[in-house]
Amino acid sequence: MKTRNIHKQLGFFAIAFLLLAFFSSCSNNEIVDACLEGHTYRFWGGLWHGIIAPIDFVLMLFRDDITVYAQNNNGAWYAFGFLIGSGGWGILGGKTLGKKRKRDNDY
């Protein structure tokens, strides 16, 4: 009985994987050469873009020329700056959360 369930699960995952592979081949090819010209954003650009990411997200819903993440960046340093700027590691909220927990436990 247990092996029958395992075979069903494996069959489900195999079909899901094949469908995923099939539908991923249907995507459009984007020409990115235009994005790779001009100014390259580095760590400080990533930091700034991380800080303004919530504003960019709202504006991106209404305009096609605004994106949250810069296409023409230098890779890991830009991503690191973006993470810090967006608070992705909880650097800015970590201390206040700990203070709130202490206040809640001090009946």
PDB file of N, CA and C in Angstrom:
ATOM      1  N   MET A   1       0.818  -1.185   0.000  1.00  0.00           N
ATOM      2  CA  MET A   1       0.000   0.000   0.000  1.00  0.00           C
ATOM      3  C   MET A   1       0.863   1.251   0.000  1.00  0.00           C
ATOM      4  N   LYS A   2       1.951   1.204   0.781  1.00  0.00           N
ATOM      5  CA  LYS A   2       2.836   2.349   0.870  1.00  0.00           C
ATOM      6  C   LYS A   2       3.558   2.594  -0.457  1.00  0.00           C
ATOM      7  N   THR A   3       3.962   1.521  -1.117  1.00  0.00           N
ATOM      8  CA  THR A   3       4.667   1.688  -2.395  1.00  0.00           C
ATOM      9  C   THR A   3       3.729   2.225  -3.475  1.00  0.00           C
ATOM     10  N   ARG A   4       2.445   1.903  -3.394  1.00  0.00           N
ATOM     11  CA  ARG A   4       1.485   2.416  -4.371  1.00  0.00           C
ATOM     12  C   ARG A   4       1.371   3.939  -4.254  1.00  0.00           C
ATOM     13  N   ASN A   5       1.368   4.468  -3.012  1.00  0.00           N
ATOM     14  CA  ASN A   5       1.313   5.911  -2.807  1.00  0.00           C
ATOM     15  C   ASN A   5       2.584   6.583  -3.321  1.00  0.00           C
ATOM     16  N   ILE A   6       3.708   5.929  -3.108  1.00  0.00           N
ATOM     17  CA  ILE A   6       4.975   6.478  -3.589  1.00  0.00           C
ATOM     18  C   ILE A   6       4.980   6.524  -5.114  1.00  0.00           C
ATOM     19  N   HIS A   7       4.482   5.486  -5.751  1.00  0.00           N
ATOM     20  CA  HIS A   7       4.423   5.464  -7.213  1.00  0.00           C
ATOM     21  C   HIS A   7       3.470   6.536  -7.732  1.00  0.00           C
ATOM     22  N   LYS A   8       2.362   6.771  -7.050  1.00  0.00           N
ATOM     23  CA  LYS A   8       1.430   7.830  -7.457  1.00  0.00           C
ATOM     24  C   LYS A   8       2.092   9.202  -7.338  1.00  0.00           C
ATOM     25  N   GLN A   9       2.801   9.414  -6.244  1.00  0.00           N
ATOM     26  CA  GLN A   9       3.477  10.696  -6.045  1.00  0.00           C
ATOM     27  C   GLN A   9       4.569  10.909  -7.083  1.00  0.00           C
ATOM     28  N   LEU A  10       5.338   9.868  -7.361  1.00  0.00           N
ATOM     29  CA  LEU A  10       6.388   9.992  -8.381  1.00  0.00           C
ATOM     30  C   LEU A  10       5.781  10.270  -9.750  1.00  0.00           C
ATOM     31  N   GLY A  11       4.677   9.609 -10.063  1.00  0.00           N
ATOM     32  CA  GLY A  11       4.002   9.862 -11.333  1.00  0.00           C
ATOM     33  C   GLY A  11       3.485  11.277 -11.418  1.00  0.00           C
ATOM     34  N   PHE A  12       2.919  11.785 -10.319  1.00  0.00           N
ATOM     35  CA  PHE A  12       2.432  13.164 -10.288  1.00  0.00           C
ATOM     36  C   PHE A  12       3.571  14.154 -10.506  1.00  0.00           C
ATOM     37  N   PHE A  13       4.689  13.959  -9.804  1.00  0.00           N
ATOM     38  CA  PHE A  13       5.825  14.869  -9.950  1.00  0.00           C
ATOM     39  C   PHE A  13       6.443  14.779 -11.342  1.00  0.00           C
ATOM     40  N   ALA A  14       6.458  13.607 -11.938  1.00  0.00           N
ATOM     41  CA  ALA A  14       6.991  13.463 -13.294  1.00  0.00           C
ATOM     42  C   ALA A  14       6.117  14.218 -14.290  1.00  0.00           C
ATOM     43  N   ILE A  15       4.799  14.088 -14.162  1.00  0.00           N
ATOM     44  CA  ILE A  15       3.891  14.805 -15.062  1.00  0.00           C
ATOM     45  C   ILE A  15       4.002  16.308 -14.838  1.00  0.00           C
ATOM     46  N   ALA A  16       4.070  16.734 -13.572  1.00  0.00           N
ATOM     47  CA  ALA A  16       4.217  18.160 -13.275  1.00  0.00           C
ATOM     48  C   ALA A  16       5.511  18.709 -13.853  1.00  0.00           C
ATOM     49  N   PHE A  17       6.600  17.955 -13.744  1.00  0.00           N
ATOM     50  CA  PHE A  17       7.880  18.393 -14.291  1.00  0.00           C
ATOM     51  C   PHE A  17       7.821  18.504 -15.816  1.00  0.00           C
ATOM     52  N   LEU A  18       7.215  17.531 -16.462  1.00  0.00           N
ATOM     53  CA  LEU A  18       7.096  17.576 -17.922  1.00  0.00           C
ATOM     54  C   LEU A  18       6.234  18.747 -18.382  1.00  0.00           C
ATOM     55  N   LEU A  19       5.147  19.008 -17.679  1.00  0.00           N
ATOM     56  CA  LEU A  19       4.307  20.164 -18.018  1.00  0.00           C
ATOM     57  C   LEU A  19       5.065  21.474 -17.805  1.00  0.00           C
ATOM     58  N   LEU A  20       5.811  21.556 -16.716  1.00  0.00           N
ATOM     59  CA  LEU A  20       6.603  22.754 -16.453  1.00  0.00           C
ATOM     60  C   LEU A  20       7.645  22.963 -17.545  1.00  0.00           C
ATOM     61  N   ALA A  21       8.327  21.902 -17.947  1.00  0.00           N
ATOM     62  CA  ALA A  21       9.326  22.008 -19.007  1.00  0.00           C
ATOM     63  C   ALA A  21       8.677  22.387 -20.338  1.00  0.00           C
ATOM     64  N   PHE A  22       7.506  21.839 -20.612  1.00  0.00           N
ATOM     65  CA  PHE A  22       6.817  22.148 -21.863  1.00  0.00           C
ATOM     66  C   PHE A  22       6.371  23.608 -21.907  1.00  0.00           C
ATOM     67  N   PHE A  23       5.747  24.087 -20.835  1.00  0.00           N
ATOM     68  CA  PHE A  23       5.237  25.455 -20.845  1.00  0.00           C
ATOM     69  C   PHE A  23       6.333  26.498 -20.690  1.00  0.00           C
ATOM     70  N   SER A  24       7.466  26.140 -20.129  1.00  0.00           N
ATOM     71  CA  SER A  24       8.553  27.105 -20.029  1.00  0.00           C
ATOM     72  C   SER A  24       9.190  27.361 -21.390  1.00  0.00           C
ATOM     73  N   SER A  25       9.009  26.459 -22.321  1.00  0.00           N
ATOM     74  CA  SER A  25       9.558  26.673 -23.659  1.00  0.00           C
ATOM     75  C   SER A  25       8.676  27.578 -24.495  1.00  0.00           C
ATOM     76  N   CYS A  26       7.521  27.965 -23.978  1.00  0.00           N
ATOM     77  CA  CYS A  26       6.593  28.824 -24.717  1.00  0.00           C
ATOM     78  C   CYS A  26       6.824  30.307 -24.471  1.00  0.00           C
ATOM     79  N   SER A  27       7.769  30.676 -23.648  1.00  0.00           N
ATOM     80  CA  SER A  27       7.964  32.083 -23.309  1.00  0.00           C
ATOM     81  C   SER A  27       8.589  32.852 -24.471  1.00  0.00           C
ATOM     82  N   ASN A  28       8.379  34.157 -24.445  1.00  0.00           N
ATOM     83  CA  ASN A  28       8.936  35.028 -25.484  1.00  0.00           C
ATOM     84  C   ASN A  28      10.417  35.247 -25.245  1.00  0.00           C
ATOM     85  N   ASN A  29      11.152  35.460 -26.322  1.00  0.00           N
ATOM     86  CA  ASN A  29      12.552  35.834 -26.207  1.00  0.00           C
ATOM     87  C   ASN A  29      12.627  37.341 -26.074  1.00  0.00           C
ATOM     88  N   GLU A  30      13.277  37.810 -25.051  1.00  0.00           N
ATOM     89  CA  GLU A  30      13.441  39.240 -24.826  1.00  0.00           C
ATOM     90  C   GLU A  30      14.807  39.668 -25.345  1.00  0.00           C
ATOM     91  N   ILE A  31      14.830  40.772 -26.030  1.00  0.00           N
ATOM     92  CA  ILE A  31      16.089  41.333 -26.523  1.00  0.00           C
ATOM     93  C   ILE A  31      16.618  42.257 -25.432  1.00  0.00           C
ATOM     94  N   VAL A  32      17.738  41.889 -24.844  1.00  0.00           N
ATOM     95  CA  VAL A  32      18.268  42.647 -23.719  1.00  0.00           C
ATOM     96  C   VAL A  32      19.483  43.493 -24.084  1.00  0.00           C
ATOM     97  N   ASP A  33      19.845  43.527 -25.348  1.00  0.00           N
ATOM     98  CA  ASP A  33      21.023  44.310 -25.734  1.00  0.00           C
ATOM     99  C   ASP A  33      20.857  45.782 -25.400  1.00  0.00           C
ATOM    100  N   ALA A  34      19.650  46.317 -25.549  1.00  0.00           N
ATOM    101  CA  ALA A  34      19.414  47.725 -25.252  1.00  0.00           C
ATOM    102  C   ALA A  34      19.563  48.000 -23.758  1.00  0.00           C
ATOM    103  N   CYS A  35      19.266  47.023 -22.935  1.00  0.00           N
ATOM    104  CA  CYS A  35      19.371  47.199 -21.485  1.00  0.00           C
ATOM    105  C   CYS A  35      20.811  47.198 -21.010  1.00  0.00           C
ATOM    106  N   LEU A  36      21.697  46.612 -21.771  1.00  0.00           N
ATOM    107  CA  LEU A  36      23.076  46.461 -21.331  1.00  0.00           C
ATOM    108  C   LEU A  36      23.974  47.619 -21.752  1.00  0.00           C
ATOM    109  N   GLU A  37      23.393  48.615 -22.367  1.00  0.00           N
ATOM    110  CA  GLU A  37      24.164  49.800 -22.767  1.00  0.00           C
ATOM    111  C   GLU A  37      23.970  50.891 -21.734  1.00  0.00           C
ATOM    112  N   GLY A  38      24.939  51.775 -21.623  1.00  0.00           N
ATOM    113  CA  GLY A  38      24.805  52.911 -20.723  1.00  0.00           C
ATOM    114  C   GLY A  38      25.361  52.639 -19.345  1.00  0.00           C
ATOM    115  N   HIS A  39      24.778  53.309 -18.378  1.00  0.00           N
ATOM    116  CA  HIS A  39      25.261  53.267 -17.000  1.00  0.00           C
ATOM    117  C   HIS A  39      25.040  51.893 -16.369  1.00  0.00           C
ATOM    118  N   THR A  40      26.078  51.362 -15.713  1.00  0.00           N
ATOM    119  CA  THR A  40      25.975  50.101 -14.979  1.00  0.00           C
ATOM    120  C   THR A  40      25.800  50.424 -13.508  1.00  0.00           C
ATOM    121  N   TYR A  41      24.764  49.858 -12.906  1.00  0.00           N
ATOM    122  CA  TYR A  41      24.495  50.111 -11.494  1.00  0.00           C
ATOM    123  C   TYR A  41      25.311  49.158 -10.642  1.00  0.00           C
ATOM    124  N   ARG A  42      25.904  49.700  -9.594  1.00  0.00           N
ATOM    125  CA  ARG A  42      26.758  48.914  -8.708  1.00  0.00           C
ATOM    126  C   ARG A  42      26.135  48.854  -7.315  1.00  0.00           C
ATOM    127  N   PHE A  43      26.930  48.710  -6.288  1.00  0.00           N
ATOM    128  CA  PHE A  43      26.430  48.534  -4.923  1.00  0.00           C
ATOM    129  C   PHE A  43      25.545  49.693  -4.488  1.00  0.00           C
ATOM    130  N   TRP A  44      26.004  50.930  -4.667  1.00  0.00           N
ATOM    131  CA  TRP A  44      25.238  52.084  -4.194  1.00  0.00           C
ATOM    132  C   TRP A  44      23.931  52.237  -4.964  1.00  0.00           C
ATOM    133  N   GLY A  45      23.961  51.911  -6.249  1.00  0.00           N
ATOM    134  CA  GLY A  45      22.722  51.924  -7.023  1.00  0.00           C
ATOM    135  C   GLY A  45      21.747  50.872  -6.525  1.00  0.00           C
ATOM    136  N   GLY A  46      22.261  49.688  -6.188  1.00  0.00           N
ATOM    137  CA  GLY A  46      21.418  48.639  -5.634  1.00  0.00           C
ATOM    138  C   GLY A  46      20.843  49.019  -4.292  1.00  0.00           C
ATOM    139  N   LEU A  47      21.651  49.690  -3.459  1.00  0.00           N
ATOM    140  CA  LEU A  47      21.169  50.150  -2.163  1.00  0.00           C
ATOM    141  C   LEU A  47      20.022  51.142  -2.341  1.00  0.00           C
ATOM    142  N   TRP A  48      20.203  52.100  -3.241  1.00  0.00           N
ATOM    143  CA  TRP A  48      19.158  53.092  -3.493  1.00  0.00           C
ATOM    144  C   TRP A  48      17.907  52.431  -4.069  1.00  0.00           C
ATOM    145  N   HIS A  49      18.075  51.538  -5.008  1.00  0.00           N
ATOM    146  CA  HIS A  49      16.922  50.865  -5.600  1.00  0.00           C
ATOM    147  C   HIS A  49      16.200  49.997  -4.573  1.00  0.00           C
ATOM    148  N   GLY A  50      16.921  49.433  -3.617  1.00  0.00           N
ATOM    149  CA  GLY A  50      16.279  48.672  -2.552  1.00  0.00           C
ATOM    150  C   GLY A  50      15.467  49.552  -1.626  1.00  0.00           C
ATOM    151  N   ILE A  51      15.969  50.754  -1.357  1.00  0.00           N
ATOM    152  CA  ILE A  51      15.244  51.685  -0.489  1.00  0.00           C
ATOM    153  C   ILE A  51      13.939  52.138  -1.139  1.00  0.00           C
ATOM    154  N   ILE A  52      13.990  52.416  -2.440  1.00  0.00           N
ATOM    155  CA  ILE A  52      12.789  52.928  -3.121  1.00  0.00           C
ATOM    156  C   ILE A  52      11.966  51.816  -3.769  1.00  0.00           C
ATOM    157  N   ALA A  53      12.260  50.552  -3.471  1.00  0.00           N
ATOM    158  CA  ALA A  53      11.548  49.427  -4.086  1.00  0.00           C
ATOM    159  C   ALA A  53      10.035  49.450  -3.853  1.00  0.00           C
ATOM    160  N   PRO A  54       9.531  49.773  -2.656  1.00  0.00           N
ATOM    161  CA  PRO A  54       8.074  49.813  -2.497  1.00  0.00           C
ATOM    162  C   PRO A  54       7.408  50.862  -3.383  1.00  0.00           C
ATOM    163  N   ILE A  55       8.051  52.009  -3.527  1.00  0.00           N
ATOM    164  CA  ILE A  55       7.513  53.065  -4.391  1.00  0.00           C
ATOM    165  C   ILE A  55       7.566  52.609  -5.847  1.00  0.00           C
ATOM    166  N   ASP A  56       8.681  52.009  -6.233  1.00  0.00           N
ATOM    167  CA  ASP A  56       8.805  51.495  -7.604  1.00  0.00           C
ATOM    168  C   ASP A  56       7.760  50.440  -7.909  1.00  0.00           C
ATOM    169  N   PHE A  57       7.466  49.594  -6.923  1.00  0.00           N
ATOM    170  CA  PHE A  57       6.477  48.538  -7.153  1.00  0.00           C
ATOM    171  C   PHE A  57       5.107  49.126  -7.453  1.00  0.00           C
ATOM    172  N   VAL A  58       4.707  50.133  -6.693  1.00  0.00           N
ATOM    173  CA  VAL A  58       3.399  50.757  -6.925  1.00  0.00           C
ATOM    174  C   VAL A  58       3.378  51.451  -8.282  1.00  0.00           C
ATOM    175  N   LEU A  59       4.438  52.191  -8.603  1.00  0.00           N
ATOM    176  CA  LEU A  59       4.490  52.891  -9.894  1.00  0.00           C
ATOM    177  C   LEU A  59       4.573  51.917 -11.065  1.00  0.00           C
ATOM    178  N   MET A  60       5.214  50.765 -10.852  1.00  0.00           N
ATOM    179  CA  MET A  60       5.352  49.773 -11.900  1.00  0.00           C
ATOM    180  C   MET A  60       3.989  49.219 -12.325  1.00  0.00           C
ATOM    181  N   LEU A  61       3.023  49.221 -11.431  1.00  0.00           N
ATOM    182  CA  LEU A  61       1.688  48.739 -11.766  1.00  0.00           C
ATOM    183  C   LEU A  61       0.990  49.633 -12.789  1.00  0.00           C
ATOM    184  N   PHE A  62       1.372  50.905 -12.853  1.00  0.00           N
ATOM    185  CA  PHE A  62       0.700  51.864 -13.720  1.00  0.00           C
ATOM    186  C   PHE A  62       1.525  52.295 -14.928  1.00  0.00           C
ATOM    187  N   ARG A  63       2.830  52.087 -14.883  1.00  0.00           N
ATOM    188  CA  ARG A  63       3.703  52.523 -15.985  1.00  0.00           C
ATOM    189  C   ARG A  63       4.594  51.371 -16.434  1.00  0.00           C
ATOM    190  N   ASP A  64       4.826  51.303 -17.744  1.00  0.00           N
ATOM    191  CA  ASP A  64       5.650  50.232 -18.300  1.00  0.00           C
ATOM    192  C   ASP A  64       7.147  50.530 -18.269  1.00  0.00           C
ATOM    193  N   ASP A  65       7.527  51.792 -18.081  1.00  0.00           N
ATOM    194  CA  ASP A  65       8.939  52.149 -18.138  1.00  0.00           C
ATOM    195  C   ASP A  65       9.629  52.125 -16.774  1.00  0.00           C
ATOM    196  N   ILE A  66       8.955  51.683 -15.731  1.00  0.00           N
ATOM    197  CA  ILE A  66       9.537  51.625 -14.390  1.00  0.00           C
ATOM    198  C   ILE A  66       9.626  50.164 -13.963  1.00  0.00           C
ATOM    199  N   THR A  67      10.804  49.786 -13.452  1.00  0.00           N
ATOM    200  CA  THR A  67      10.997  48.433 -12.923  1.00  0.00           C
ATOM    201  C   THR A  67      11.563  48.530 -11.513  1.00  0.00           C
ATOM    202  N   VAL A  68      11.434  47.478 -10.756  1.00  0.00           N
ATOM    203  CA  VAL A  68      11.931  47.467  -9.386  1.00  0.00           C
ATOM    204  C   VAL A  68      13.430  47.195  -9.364  1.00  0.00           C
ATOM    205  N   TYR A  69      13.901  46.333 -10.228  1.00  0.00           N
ATOM    206  CA  TYR A  69      15.289  45.860 -10.228  1.00  0.00           C
ATOM    207  C   TYR A  69      15.936  46.315 -11.530  1.00  0.00           C
ATOM    208  N   ALA A  70      17.099  46.957 -11.455  1.00  0.00           N
ATOM    209  CA  ALA A  70      17.767  47.465 -12.653  1.00  0.00           C
ATOM    210  C   ALA A  70      18.314  46.321 -13.498  1.00  0.00           C
ATOM    211  N   GLN A  71      18.030  46.354 -14.791  1.00  0.00           N
ATOM    212  CA  GLN A  71      18.518  45.305 -15.674  1.00  0.00           C
ATOM    213  C   GLN A  71      20.020  45.409 -15.892  1.00  0.00           C
ATOM    214  N   ASN A  72      20.529  46.606 -16.011  1.00  0.00           N
ATOM    215  CA  ASN A  72      21.949  46.806 -16.291  1.00  0.00           C
ATOM    216  C   ASN A  72      22.695  46.995 -14.972  1.00  0.00           C
ATOM    217  N   ASN A  73      22.968  45.892 -14.284  1.00  0.00           N
ATOM    218  CA  ASN A  73      23.698  45.957 -13.022  1.00  0.00           C
ATOM    219  C   ASN A  73      24.928  45.078 -13.105  1.00  0.00           C
ATOM    220  N   ASN A  74      25.787  45.181 -12.092  1.00  0.00           N
ATOM    221  CA  ASN A  74      27.032  44.424 -12.135  1.00  0.00           C
ATOM    222  C   ASN A  74      26.963  43.098 -11.399  1.00  0.00           C
ATOM    223  N   GLY A  75      25.776  42.657 -11.023  1.00  0.00           N
ATOM    224  CA  GLY A  75      25.625  41.323 -10.462  1.00  0.00           C
ATOM    225  C   GLY A  75      25.536  41.277  -8.962  1.00  0.00           C
ATOM    226  N   ALA A  76      26.484  40.581  -8.332  1.00  0.00           N
ATOM    227  CA  ALA A  76      26.395  40.271  -6.906  1.00  0.00           C
ATOM    228  C   ALA A  76      26.432  41.509  -6.023  1.00  0.00           C
ATOM    229  N   TRP A  77      27.264  42.490  -6.330  1.00  0.00           N
ATOM    230  CA  TRP A  77      27.325  43.685  -5.489  1.00  0.00           C
ATOM    231  C   TRP A  77      26.040  44.492  -5.574  1.00  0.00           C
ATOM    232  N   TYR A  78      25.447  44.559  -6.753  1.00  0.00           N
ATOM    233  CA  TYR A  78      24.159  45.242  -6.892  1.00  0.00           C
ATOM    234  C   TYR A  78      23.092  44.502  -6.082  1.00  0.00           C
ATOM    235  N   ALA A  79      23.064  43.195  -6.186  1.00  0.00           N
ATOM    236  CA  ALA A  79      22.073  42.398  -5.456  1.00  0.00           C
ATOM    237  C   ALA A  79      22.264  42.545  -3.947  1.00  0.00           C
ATOM    238  N   PHE A  80      23.513  42.583  -3.488  1.00  0.00           N
ATOM    239  CA  PHE A  80      23.800  42.765  -2.062  1.00  0.00           C
ATOM    240  C   PHE A  80      23.294  44.121  -1.585  1.00  0.00           C
ATOM    241  N   GLY A  81      23.556  45.172  -2.349  1.00  0.00           N
ATOM    242  CA  GLY A  81      23.065  46.500  -1.997  1.00  0.00           C
ATOM    243  C   GLY A  81      21.548  46.561  -2.009  1.00  0.00           C
ATOM    244  N   PHE A  82      20.923  45.876  -2.975  1.00  0.00           N
ATOM    245  CA  PHE A  82      19.466  45.852  -3.057  1.00  0.00           C
ATOM    246  C   PHE A  82      18.874  45.162  -1.828  1.00  0.00           C
ATOM    247  N   LEU A  83      19.484  44.053  -1.400  1.00  0.00           N
ATOM    248  CA  LEU A  83      19.002  43.349  -0.210  1.00  0.00           C
ATOM    249  C   LEU A  83      19.096  44.208   1.037  1.00  0.00           C
ATOM    250  N   ILE A  84      20.208  44.885   1.209  1.00  0.00           N
ATOM    251  CA  ILE A  84      20.371  45.739   2.379  1.00  0.00           C
ATOM    252  C   ILE A  84      19.388  46.906   2.316  1.00  0.00           C
ATOM    253  N   GLY A  85      19.252  47.519   1.143  1.00  0.00           N
ATOM    254  CA  GLY A  85      18.350  48.657   0.998  1.00  0.00           C
ATOM    255  C   GLY A  85      16.899  48.296   1.202  1.00  0.00           C
ATOM    256  N   SER A  86      16.508  47.116   0.795  1.00  0.00           N
ATOM    257  CA  SER A  86      15.111  46.709   0.948  1.00  0.00           C
ATOM    258  C   SER A  86      14.826  46.128   2.328  1.00  0.00           C
ATOM    259  N   GLY A  87      15.839  45.991   3.152  1.00  0.00           N
ATOM    260  CA  GLY A  87      15.643  45.414   4.482  1.00  0.00           C
ATOM    261  C   GLY A  87      15.470  43.915   4.417  1.00  0.00           C
ATOM    262  N   GLY A  88      16.005  43.298   3.375  1.00  0.00           N
ATOM    263  CA  GLY A  88      15.842  41.866   3.178  1.00  0.00           C
ATOM    264  C   GLY A  88      16.454  41.018   4.273  1.00  0.00           C
ATOM    265  N   TRP A  89      17.357  41.558   5.038  1.00  0.00           N
ATOM    266  CA  TRP A  89      17.970  40.791   6.114  1.00  0.00           C
ATOM    267  C   TRP A  89      17.440  41.213   7.477  1.00  0.00           C
ATOM    268  N   GLY A  90      16.503  42.139   7.512  1.00  0.00           N
ATOM    269  CA  GLY A  90      15.925  42.576   8.775  1.00  0.00           C
ATOM    270  C   GLY A  90      16.855  43.417   9.618  1.00  0.00           C
ATOM    271  N   ILE A  91      17.808  44.093   8.999  1.00  0.00           N
ATOM    272  CA  ILE A  91      18.774  44.904   9.751  1.00  0.00           C
ATOM    273  C   ILE A  91      18.069  46.060  10.448  1.00  0.00           C
ATOM    274  N   LEU A  92      17.117  46.688   9.762  1.00  0.00           N
ATOM    275  CA  LEU A  92      16.470  47.862  10.326  1.00  0.00           C
ATOM    276  C   LEU A  92      15.396  47.506  11.348  1.00  0.00           C
ATOM    277  N   GLY A  93      14.694  46.399  11.189  1.00  0.00           N
ATOM    278  CA  GLY A  93      13.595  46.067  12.076  1.00  0.00           C
ATOM    279  C   GLY A  93      13.941  45.099  13.183  1.00  0.00           C
ATOM    280  N   GLY A  94      15.132  44.602  13.226  1.00  0.00           N
ATOM    281  CA  GLY A  94      15.480  43.580  14.198  1.00  0.00           C
ATOM    282  C   GLY A  94      15.451  44.048  15.636  1.00  0.00           C
ATOM    283  N   LYS A  95      15.984  45.219  15.933  1.00  0.00           N
ATOM    284  CA  LYS A  95      16.044  45.701  17.311  1.00  0.00           C
ATOM    285  C   LYS A  95      14.665  46.102  17.817  1.00  0.00           C
ATOM    286  N   THR A  96      13.856  46.736  16.988  1.00  0.00           N
ATOM    287  CA  THR A  96      12.538  47.164  17.448  1.00  0.00           C
ATOM    288  C   THR A  96      11.629  45.978  17.698  1.00  0.00           C
ATOM    289  N   LEU A  97      11.768  44.922  16.942  1.00  0.00           N
ATOM    290  CA  LEU A  97      10.963  43.726  17.164  1.00  0.00           C
ATOM    291  C   LEU A  97      11.316  43.085  18.495  1.00  0.00           C
ATOM    292  N   GLY A  98      12.589  43.044  18.827  1.00  0.00           N
ATOM    293  CA  GLY A  98      13.016  42.492  20.109  1.00  0.00           C
ATOM    294  C   GLY A  98      12.517  43.314  21.283  1.00  0.00           C
ATOM    295  N   LYS A  99      12.508  44.640  21.161  1.00  0.00           N
ATOM    296  CA  LYS A  99      11.991  45.507  22.220  1.00  0.00           C
ATOM    297  C   LYS A  99      10.489  45.305  22.397  1.00  0.00           C
ATOM    298  N   LYS A 100       9.777  45.119  21.291  1.00  0.00           N
ATOM    299  CA  LYS A 100       8.334  44.916  21.382  1.00  0.00           C
ATOM    300  C   LYS A 100       8.023  43.611  22.103  1.00  0.00           C
ATOM    301  N   ARG A 101       8.763  42.565  21.846  1.00  0.00           N
ATOM    302  CA  ARG A 101       8.539  41.288  22.514  1.00  0.00           C
ATOM    303  C   ARG A 101       8.793  41.396  24.018  1.00  0.00           C
ATOM    304  N   LYS A 102       9.825  42.142  24.381  1.00  0.00           N
ATOM    305  CA  LYS A 102      10.113  42.310  25.811  1.00  0.00           C
ATOM    306  C   LYS A 102       8.996  43.078  26.495  1.00  0.00           C
ATOM    307  N   ARG A 103       8.455  44.129  25.840  1.00  0.00           N
ATOM    308  CA  ARG A 103       7.359  44.897  26.432  1.00  0.00           C
ATOM    309  C   ARG A 103       6.107  44.047  26.577  1.00  0.00           C
ATOM    310  N   ASP A 104       5.815  43.172  25.603  1.00  0.00           N
ATOM    311  CA  ASP A 104       4.627  42.341  25.666  1.00  0.00           C
ATOM    312  C   ASP A 104       4.711  41.306  26.789  1.00  0.00           C
ATOM    313  N   ASN A 105       5.927  40.872  27.106  1.00  0.00           N
ATOM    314  CA  ASN A 105       6.102  39.850  28.144  1.00  0.00           C
ATOM    315  C   ASN A 105       6.208  40.447  29.549  1.00  0.00           C
ATOM    316  N   ASP A 106       6.324  41.761  29.675  1.00  0.00           N
ATOM    317  CA  ASP A 106       6.436  42.422  30.991  1.00  0.00           C
ATOM    318  C   ASP A 106       5.052  42.796  31.503  1.00  0.00           C
ATOM    319  N   TYR A 107       4.222  41.877  31.775  1.00  0.00           N
ATOM    320  CA  TYR A 107       2.831  42.155  32.201  1.00  0.00           C
ATOM    321  C   TYR A 107       2.809  43.140  33.310  1.00  0.00           C
TER     322      TYR A 107
END
